[in-house]
Amino acid sequence: MSYLRSLHLPEQVRSARLTTARGEFAVLEAKPTRGVCYRRPALLVPGYTGSKENFLPILEPLAAAGRMVVAMDLRGQYQSPDAADRAGYAPAALAADLLAAGDAIAGGAGGVHLVGHSLGGLLAREAVLQRPAGVLSLTLLGSGPGALGGERAEMLRETLALLDPAAGAEPDDRGQLAALVRQAWHDQHEPQARADGVDEHVIAFLKERTLRTCPVHFIVLARYLLDGPDRTDELVKVVAAGLPTQVVYGEHDDAWSPAEQELMARRLGADRACIPGAAHSPAIDAPVTTAGILTEFWNAAERRQPTIHSCGRPGYPSGLRQAAM
């Protein structure tokens, strides 16, 4: 996890709070070196146990191509506020959050490029199916057509057996659930990280991120990853109507297999890119290649649209304000 070797953000990246019609979200924002954005903005959505920091290796390279790039924490994930109840973590609710974030980032200027990694790809798909307007393009990054299988599914079942043995019984005792997450961290995840040779400061970050993420978020989204339907046929209709879409994955992906993601791309009639040497997180494993693929795809999508000549005008984007570090 070399992308976490420094606790300081890259020069062109800042921590901020994004105010939307559905509340505030913690984000990392990158702009071009000279602050002039002549291309459309992008919104990057992380996966299940991740956060906005998983996109750190590609934020500056993407912004250097002339656009604002924003990576967000989902509701209840790391530094974003929790939902009031389980319903706030339902896929439809989180998809609505993504659309609201895109609207705030674009500032009424034509929409955003939407990228979802892993679980984030499933949620980005939900957002596009909910309302295609405001999405300029869709990238599914290391994300499959439906439920997870294999070893990762078994790990999720173990998580649910610990956190949610009653299968969704209300009310949630969040204090008790948080204690269970702490126990799992100290008994399992932290020893495994040390056995894998992870640097101590990285372990400290992973601990903070895990313990600050709402345990109900973990529960609801684990069930979605295990039981989520294949909605590819529904997405086909949106792609056919003109939404530029691509599927990008590492050749060693161990979540959804490369063959499964390639088949999904073919079903969608979408662009496809397999990244040599990368596993489930191409933004970390191969940041230069990943940033290049995204930039080329976005630029092609924008040839159909008028460009934006500045992101430095007052109120663009209206919802962003700098957060305390």
Protein backbone atom coordinates (compact mmCIF):
# COMPACT_ATOMS: atom_id res chain seq x y z
CA MET A 1 0.00 0.00 0.00
CA SER A 2 2.66 2.45 -1.07
CA TYR A 3 0.03 5.09 -1.80
CA LEU A 4 -0.19 5.61 1.97
CA ARG A 5 3.54 5.97 2.63
CA SER A 6 3.07 9.68 3.23
CA LEU A 7 0.31 11.10 5.36
CA HIS A 8 0.53 14.34 3.37
CA LEU A 9 -1.75 14.82 0.40
CA PRO A 10 -0.18 15.41 -3.02
CA GLU A 11 0.28 19.08 -3.88
CA GLN A 12 -2.78 19.35 -6.12
CA VAL A 13 -5.10 17.35 -3.82
CA ARG A 14 -7.03 18.78 -0.90
CA SER A 15 -9.44 17.42 1.67
CA ALA A 16 -12.88 18.99 1.54
CA ARG A 17 -16.52 18.64 2.50
CA LEU A 18 -19.02 18.42 -0.33
CA THR A 19 -22.43 19.89 0.48
CA THR A 20 -25.25 18.32 -1.53
CA ALA A 21 -29.02 18.24 -1.50
CA ARG A 22 -28.71 15.01 0.52
CA GLY A 23 -26.19 16.22 3.08
CA GLU A 24 -22.43 16.54 3.38
CA PHE A 25 -19.79 14.04 2.30
CA ALA A 26 -16.05 13.84 2.89
CA VAL A 27 -14.07 14.11 -0.35
CA LEU A 28 -10.61 14.50 -1.81
CA GLU A 29 -10.50 17.03 -4.64
CA ALA A 30 -7.82 17.47 -7.28
CA LYS A 31 -7.48 20.30 -9.80
CA PRO A 32 -4.98 21.00 -12.59
CA THR A 33 -1.74 22.70 -11.57
CA ARG A 34 -2.89 26.07 -12.90
CA GLY A 35 -6.42 25.66 -11.58
CA VAL A 36 -8.03 25.90 -15.03
CA CYS A 37 -10.52 23.14 -15.75
CA TYR A 38 -11.49 23.04 -19.41
CA ARG A 39 -12.83 19.49 -19.28
CA ARG A 40 -15.76 17.96 -17.44
CA PRO A 41 -15.36 16.88 -13.81
CA ALA A 42 -15.25 13.31 -12.54
CA LEU A 43 -16.59 11.58 -9.43
CA LEU A 44 -14.82 8.47 -8.09
CA VAL A 45 -16.68 6.04 -5.79
CA PRO A 46 -14.78 3.55 -3.58
CA GLY A 47 -15.50 -0.05 -2.68
CA TYR A 48 -16.74 -1.89 0.39
CA THR A 49 -13.84 -1.64 2.86
CA GLY A 50 -12.19 1.24 1.04
CA SER A 51 -12.47 5.02 1.07
CA LYS A 52 -11.62 8.04 -1.05
CA GLU A 53 -7.93 7.46 -0.22
CA ASN A 54 -7.89 4.38 -2.46
CA PHE A 55 -7.84 6.79 -5.42
CA LEU A 56 -4.89 8.88 -4.18
CA PRO A 57 -2.42 7.48 -6.76
CA ILE A 58 -4.53 8.65 -9.71
CA LEU A 59 -6.06 11.95 -8.55
CA GLU A 60 -3.24 14.23 -9.66
CA PRO A 61 -2.65 12.48 -13.01
CA LEU A 62 -6.35 12.66 -13.82
CA ALA A 63 -6.60 16.33 -12.85
CA ALA A 64 -3.50 17.15 -14.91
CA ALA A 65 -5.52 16.43 -18.04
CA GLY A 66 -7.57 19.55 -17.36
CA ARG A 67 -10.43 18.55 -15.10
CA MET A 68 -11.56 18.58 -11.50
CA VAL A 69 -11.57 15.09 -9.99
CA VAL A 70 -13.39 14.28 -6.75
CA ALA A 71 -13.18 11.04 -4.75
CA MET A 72 -15.78 10.61 -2.02
CA ASP A 73 -16.49 8.54 1.06
CA LEU A 74 -19.91 6.92 0.91
CA ARG A 75 -22.45 7.66 3.62
CA GLY A 76 -21.24 6.05 6.84
CA GLN A 77 -17.84 5.26 5.31
CA TYR A 78 -14.72 6.63 7.06
CA GLN A 79 -15.15 10.43 7.27
CA SER A 80 -18.67 10.84 5.84
CA PRO A 81 -21.58 11.10 8.32
CA ASP A 82 -23.61 8.01 9.21
CA ALA A 83 -27.13 7.32 8.00
CA ALA A 84 -29.93 7.47 10.55
CA ASP A 85 -30.90 3.83 10.04
CA ARG A 86 -30.41 0.81 7.80
CA ALA A 87 -32.60 2.30 5.08
CA GLY A 88 -29.99 5.02 4.57
CA TYR A 89 -27.51 2.37 3.41
CA ALA A 90 -29.83 0.69 0.93
CA PRO A 91 -28.41 0.68 -2.62
CA ALA A 92 -31.14 3.02 -3.88
CA ALA A 93 -30.37 5.53 -1.12
CA LEU A 94 -26.62 5.45 -1.73
CA ALA A 95 -27.23 5.78 -5.48
CA ALA A 96 -29.27 8.91 -4.78
CA ASP A 97 -26.32 10.21 -2.74
CA LEU A 98 -24.03 9.72 -5.76
CA LEU A 99 -26.40 11.61 -8.04
CA ALA A 100 -26.64 14.46 -5.53
CA ALA A 101 -22.83 14.56 -5.25
CA GLY A 102 -22.52 14.66 -9.03
CA ASP A 103 -25.01 17.51 -9.24
CA ALA A 104 -23.10 19.50 -6.61
CA ILE A 105 -19.74 18.92 -8.31
CA ALA A 106 -21.00 19.81 -11.78
CA GLY A 107 -22.71 22.94 -10.48
CA GLY A 108 -25.42 22.71 -13.13
CA ALA A 109 -22.82 22.66 -15.89
CA GLY A 110 -23.58 19.38 -17.63
CA GLY A 111 -22.81 16.43 -15.38
CA VAL A 112 -19.86 14.29 -14.31
CA HIS A 113 -17.94 11.24 -15.39
CA LEU A 114 -18.85 8.55 -12.86
CA VAL A 115 -16.36 5.85 -11.82
CA GLY A 116 -17.22 3.09 -9.36
CA HIS A 117 -14.68 0.64 -7.97
CA SER A 118 -15.92 -2.80 -6.86
CA LEU A 119 -19.02 -2.19 -4.69
CA GLY A 120 -18.82 1.42 -5.89
CA GLY A 121 -19.39 0.14 -9.42
CA LEU A 122 -22.60 -1.60 -8.38
CA LEU A 123 -23.76 1.62 -6.72
CA ALA A 124 -22.75 3.72 -9.74
CA ARG A 125 -24.82 1.36 -11.89
CA GLU A 126 -27.76 1.87 -9.52
CA ALA A 127 -27.34 5.63 -9.87
CA VAL A 128 -27.35 5.50 -13.67
CA LEU A 129 -30.44 3.27 -13.70
CA GLN A 130 -32.12 5.63 -11.28
CA ARG A 131 -31.38 8.75 -13.34
CA PRO A 132 -29.05 8.76 -16.35
CA ALA A 133 -29.25 12.55 -16.72
CA GLY A 134 -26.23 14.24 -15.19
CA VAL A 135 -23.90 11.30 -15.87
CA LEU A 136 -21.59 11.91 -18.84
CA SER A 137 -19.98 8.48 -18.78
CA LEU A 138 -19.84 5.37 -16.60
CA THR A 139 -16.75 3.35 -15.72
CA LEU A 140 -17.09 0.06 -13.85
CA LEU A 141 -13.66 -0.51 -12.31
CA GLY A 142 -13.03 -4.00 -10.94
CA SER A 143 -16.77 -4.44 -10.58
CA GLY A 144 -18.99 -7.29 -11.74
CA PRO A 145 -22.56 -7.86 -12.84
CA GLY A 146 -24.00 -9.00 -9.52
CA ALA A 147 -23.24 -10.88 -6.31
CA LEU A 148 -19.74 -11.84 -5.26
CA GLY A 149 -18.70 -15.47 -5.05
CA GLY A 150 -15.72 -17.50 -3.92
CA GLU A 151 -13.39 -16.66 -1.07
CA ARG A 152 -14.47 -13.03 -0.80
CA ALA A 153 -18.09 -14.10 -0.38
CA GLU A 154 -17.05 -16.45 2.42
CA MET A 155 -15.26 -13.59 4.17
CA LEU A 156 -18.43 -11.48 3.95
CA ARG A 157 -20.49 -14.30 5.42
CA GLU A 158 -18.07 -14.43 8.33
CA THR A 159 -18.48 -10.68 8.81
CA LEU A 160 -22.26 -11.03 8.89
CA ALA A 161 -22.10 -13.99 11.28
CA LEU A 162 -20.20 -11.73 13.69
CA LEU A 163 -22.10 -8.47 13.24
CA ASP A 164 -25.61 -9.46 12.22
CA PRO A 165 -26.57 -12.99 13.31
CA ALA A 166 -30.22 -11.93 13.55
CA ALA A 167 -30.21 -11.01 9.84
CA GLY A 168 -31.34 -7.42 10.06
CA ALA A 169 -33.31 -7.34 13.30
CA GLU A 170 -34.00 -3.81 14.52
CA PRO A 171 -33.11 -1.78 16.46
CA ASP A 172 -29.35 -1.70 15.96
CA ASP A 173 -27.19 -1.28 19.05
CA ARG A 174 -24.40 0.62 17.32
CA GLY A 175 -22.25 0.70 20.44
CA GLN A 176 -22.31 -3.08 20.66
CA LEU A 177 -21.70 -3.43 16.92
CA ALA A 178 -18.75 -1.03 17.12
CA ALA A 179 -17.28 -3.13 19.91
CA LEU A 180 -17.54 -6.22 17.71
CA VAL A 181 -15.76 -4.41 14.86
CA ARG A 182 -12.96 -3.39 17.26
CA GLN A 183 -12.68 -6.98 18.43
CA ALA A 184 -12.45 -8.27 14.86
CA TRP A 185 -9.80 -5.66 14.06
CA HIS A 186 -7.61 -6.53 17.05
CA ASP A 187 -8.09 -10.31 16.81
CA GLN A 188 -7.93 -10.80 13.04
CA HIS A 189 -7.19 -7.87 10.76
CA GLU A 190 -4.35 -6.17 12.64
CA PRO A 191 -2.35 -9.39 13.22
CA GLN A 192 -2.86 -10.34 9.56
CA ALA A 193 -1.65 -6.91 8.40
CA ARG A 194 1.52 -7.28 10.49
CA ALA A 195 2.06 -10.82 9.22
CA ASP A 196 1.81 -9.42 5.67
CA GLY A 197 4.51 -6.85 6.43
CA VAL A 198 2.29 -3.76 6.19
CA ASP A 199 3.98 -0.59 7.47
CA GLU A 200 2.89 0.53 10.93
CA HIS A 201 1.60 3.92 9.79
CA VAL A 202 -0.50 2.17 7.15
CA ILE A 203 -1.90 -0.15 9.81
CA ALA A 204 -2.77 2.91 11.88
CA PHE A 205 -4.67 4.41 8.94
CA LEU A 206 -6.51 1.16 8.20
CA LYS A 207 -7.48 0.87 11.85
CA GLU A 208 -8.84 4.43 11.93
CA ARG A 209 -10.78 3.89 8.70
CA THR A 210 -12.25 0.59 9.87
CA LEU A 211 -13.30 1.86 13.30
CA ARG A 212 -14.74 5.11 11.94
CA THR A 213 -16.92 3.35 9.37
CA CYS A 214 -20.45 2.73 10.61
CA PRO A 215 -20.91 -0.99 11.41
CA VAL A 216 -24.44 -0.87 9.99
CA HIS A 217 -22.90 0.29 6.70
CA PHE A 218 -20.75 -2.86 6.79
CA ILE A 219 -23.78 -5.06 7.47
CA VAL A 220 -26.18 -3.73 4.85
CA LEU A 221 -23.61 -3.56 2.06
CA ALA A 222 -22.20 -6.99 2.83
CA ARG A 223 -25.69 -8.38 2.24
CA TYR A 224 -25.94 -6.43 -1.01
CA LEU A 225 -22.62 -7.83 -2.21
CA LEU A 226 -23.80 -11.35 -1.38
CA ASP A 227 -27.34 -11.07 -2.75
CA GLY A 228 -27.26 -8.23 -5.29
CA PRO A 229 -29.05 -8.98 -8.59
CA ASP A 230 -27.48 -8.92 -12.03
CA ARG A 231 -28.90 -5.74 -13.58
CA THR A 232 -26.78 -5.81 -16.72
CA ASP A 233 -29.77 -6.21 -19.03
CA GLU A 234 -31.32 -3.05 -17.56
CA LEU A 235 -28.07 -1.15 -18.01
CA VAL A 236 -27.85 -2.30 -21.64
CA LYS A 237 -30.85 -0.09 -22.44
CA VAL A 238 -29.15 2.98 -20.94
CA VAL A 239 -25.90 2.29 -22.78
CA ALA A 240 -27.80 1.77 -26.03
CA ALA A 241 -29.48 5.13 -25.50
CA GLY A 242 -26.09 6.82 -25.69
CA LEU A 243 -24.28 6.63 -22.33
CA PRO A 244 -20.54 6.02 -22.93
CA THR A 245 -19.62 3.04 -20.72
CA GLN A 246 -16.45 1.09 -20.11
CA VAL A 247 -15.42 -1.91 -18.01
CA VAL A 248 -11.88 -1.84 -16.61
CA TYR A 249 -10.26 -4.60 -14.56
CA GLY A 250 -6.93 -6.09 -13.57
CA GLU A 251 -5.79 -9.30 -15.20
CA HIS A 252 -5.44 -10.88 -11.72
CA ASP A 253 -8.72 -9.63 -10.22
CA ASP A 254 -9.81 -12.02 -7.46
CA ALA A 255 -13.24 -10.52 -6.72
CA TRP A 256 -15.15 -10.84 -9.98
CA SER A 257 -13.04 -12.80 -12.43
CA PRO A 258 -11.63 -11.12 -15.55
CA ALA A 259 -13.71 -13.53 -17.66
CA GLU A 260 -16.87 -12.49 -15.81
CA GLN A 261 -16.13 -8.80 -16.29
CA GLU A 262 -15.25 -9.29 -19.96
CA LEU A 263 -18.56 -11.05 -20.52
CA MET A 264 -20.39 -8.19 -18.79
CA ALA A 265 -18.65 -5.69 -21.08
CA ARG A 266 -19.70 -7.68 -24.13
CA ARG A 267 -23.30 -7.86 -22.89
CA LEU A 268 -23.27 -4.10 -22.43
CA GLY A 269 -21.59 -3.36 -25.73
CA ALA A 270 -19.16 -1.31 -23.64
CA ASP A 271 -15.50 -0.47 -24.06
CA ARG A 272 -13.24 -2.92 -22.22
CA ALA A 273 -9.73 -2.62 -20.81
CA CYS A 274 -7.76 -5.34 -19.03
CA ILE A 275 -4.77 -3.93 -17.12
CA PRO A 276 -1.69 -6.18 -17.12
CA GLY A 277 -0.19 -6.95 -13.72
CA ALA A 278 -3.07 -5.42 -11.75
CA ALA A 279 -5.36 -7.25 -9.35
CA HIS A 280 -8.62 -6.00 -7.82
CA SER A 281 -7.48 -2.38 -7.34
CA PRO A 282 -6.00 -1.05 -10.60
CA ALA A 283 -5.82 2.51 -9.24
CA ILE A 284 -3.30 1.25 -6.68
CA ASP A 285 -1.64 -1.56 -8.62
CA ALA A 286 -1.20 0.31 -11.92
CA PRO A 287 -2.00 4.02 -11.41
CA VAL A 288 -0.32 5.35 -14.56
CA THR A 289 -2.11 2.88 -16.81
CA THR A 290 -5.43 3.34 -15.03
CA ALA A 291 -5.25 7.14 -15.20
CA GLY A 292 -4.40 6.95 -18.89
CA ILE A 293 -7.33 4.66 -19.67
CA LEU A 294 -9.78 6.88 -17.79
CA THR A 295 -8.50 10.10 -19.36
CA GLU A 296 -8.63 8.73 -22.90
CA PHE A 297 -12.17 7.42 -22.37
CA TRP A 298 -13.41 10.65 -20.80
CA ASN A 299 -11.90 12.80 -23.54
CA ALA A 300 -13.60 10.67 -26.20
CA ALA A 301 -16.93 10.97 -24.38
CA GLU A 302 -16.57 14.74 -24.20
CA ARG A 303 -16.14 15.12 -27.94
CA ARG A 304 -19.90 14.71 -28.07
CA GLN A 305 -20.40 17.52 -25.55
CA PRO A 306 -19.45 21.22 -25.28
CA THR A 307 -16.46 21.82 -22.99
CA ILE A 308 -16.25 23.74 -19.72
CA HIS A 309 -13.61 26.46 -19.85
CA SER A 310 -13.09 27.15 -16.14
CA CYS A 311 -13.70 25.57 -12.75
CA GLY A 312 -12.39 28.61 -10.93
CA ARG A 313 -15.48 30.77 -11.32
CA PRO A 314 -17.42 31.65 -8.17
CA GLY A 315 -19.59 28.80 -6.97
CA TYR A 316 -18.02 26.01 -9.06
CA PRO A 317 -18.58 23.59 -7.60
CA SER A 318 -20.96 25.23 -5.17
CA GLY A 319 -20.84 22.48 -2.55
CA LEU A 320 -17.10 22.16 -1.93
CA ARG A 321 -15.37 23.69 1.04
CA GLN A 322 -12.01 22.85 2.53
CA ALA A 323 -11.98 20.49 5.49
CA ALA A 324 -9.70 20.70 8.49
CA MET A 325 -6.79 18.30 8.12
